[in-house]
Amino acid sequence: MEIPHSKLSAEALRAIIEEFISREGSDYGPGEYSLEDKVVHVMKQLERGEVSVTFDAKSDTCNLVSIR
């Protein structure tokens, strides 16, 4: 089920994003990016509608998925 990111508290949304970043591992090219840089990047993707927050009731987990 899709959860509108605007319906989540700032703290809950940040926790979901940070958990996703830490488990997914990302290739941001040759540069180094801080956790804060990565969080901002994902937030911008959410705001542009490129990424969505989903919740799986069976596993009781949230995830971020690309909409493209």
Protein backbone atom coordinates (compact mmCIF):
# COMPACT_ATOMS: atom_id res chain seq x y z
CA MET A 1 0.00 0.00 0.00
CA GLU A 2 1.28 3.44 -0.86
CA ILE A 3 1.57 5.96 1.98
CA PRO A 4 1.63 9.67 1.05
CA HIS A 5 4.90 10.98 2.46
CA SER A 6 3.14 14.19 3.45
CA LYS A 7 1.00 12.21 5.92
CA LEU A 8 4.05 10.99 7.87
CA SER A 9 5.68 12.95 10.66
CA ALA A 10 9.05 14.47 9.77
CA GLU A 11 10.72 12.09 12.24
CA ALA A 12 9.05 8.97 10.82
CA LEU A 13 9.82 9.95 7.23
CA ARG A 14 13.46 10.67 8.03
CA ALA A 15 13.79 7.31 9.81
CA ILE A 16 12.37 5.50 6.77
CA ILE A 17 14.74 7.37 4.43
CA GLU A 18 17.80 6.78 6.61
CA GLU A 19 17.01 3.08 6.97
CA PHE A 20 16.56 2.78 3.20
CA ILE A 21 19.84 4.58 2.49
CA SER A 22 21.77 2.42 4.92
CA ARG A 23 20.42 -0.87 3.59
CA GLU A 24 20.35 -0.13 -0.12
CA GLY A 25 23.84 1.23 -0.60
CA SER A 26 24.01 3.78 -3.33
CA ASP A 27 26.38 4.72 -6.08
CA TYR A 28 26.50 8.50 -6.22
CA GLY A 29 29.43 8.56 -8.61
CA PRO A 30 33.01 9.53 -7.80
CA GLY A 31 32.09 11.98 -5.01
CA GLU A 32 31.48 11.32 -1.34
CA TYR A 33 28.11 12.35 0.09
CA SER A 34 27.10 12.69 3.71
CA LEU A 35 24.02 11.02 5.12
CA GLU A 36 22.36 14.44 5.21
CA ASP A 37 23.11 14.99 1.49
CA LYS A 38 21.55 11.62 0.69
CA VAL A 39 18.46 12.32 2.81
CA VAL A 40 17.95 15.65 1.03
CA HIS A 41 18.32 13.91 -2.33
CA VAL A 42 15.65 11.33 -1.48
CA MET A 43 13.33 14.02 -0.06
CA LYS A 44 13.55 15.92 -3.34
CA GLN A 45 12.67 12.72 -5.23
CA LEU A 46 9.63 12.26 -2.97
CA GLU A 47 8.54 15.87 -3.52
CA ARG A 48 8.89 15.50 -7.32
CA GLY A 49 6.81 12.31 -7.24
CA GLU A 50 9.67 10.13 -8.48
CA VAL A 51 9.73 7.96 -5.35
CA SER A 52 6.96 6.75 -3.11
CA VAL A 53 6.68 5.31 0.40
CA THR A 54 5.06 1.89 0.59
CA PHE A 55 3.96 -0.23 3.52
CA ASP A 56 3.69 -4.02 3.47
CA ALA A 57 1.25 -5.17 6.16
CA LYS A 58 2.35 -8.80 5.87
CA SER A 59 5.97 -8.05 6.76
CA ASP A 60 5.11 -4.86 8.70
CA THR A 61 7.79 -2.91 6.80
CA CYS A 62 8.10 0.35 4.86
CA ASN A 63 10.07 0.80 1.70
CA LEU A 64 10.85 3.48 -0.87
CA VAL A 65 10.16 2.60 -4.48
CA SER A 66 10.86 4.37 -7.74
CA ILE A 67 7.74 5.38 -9.65
CA ARG A 68 9.46 5.73 -13.02
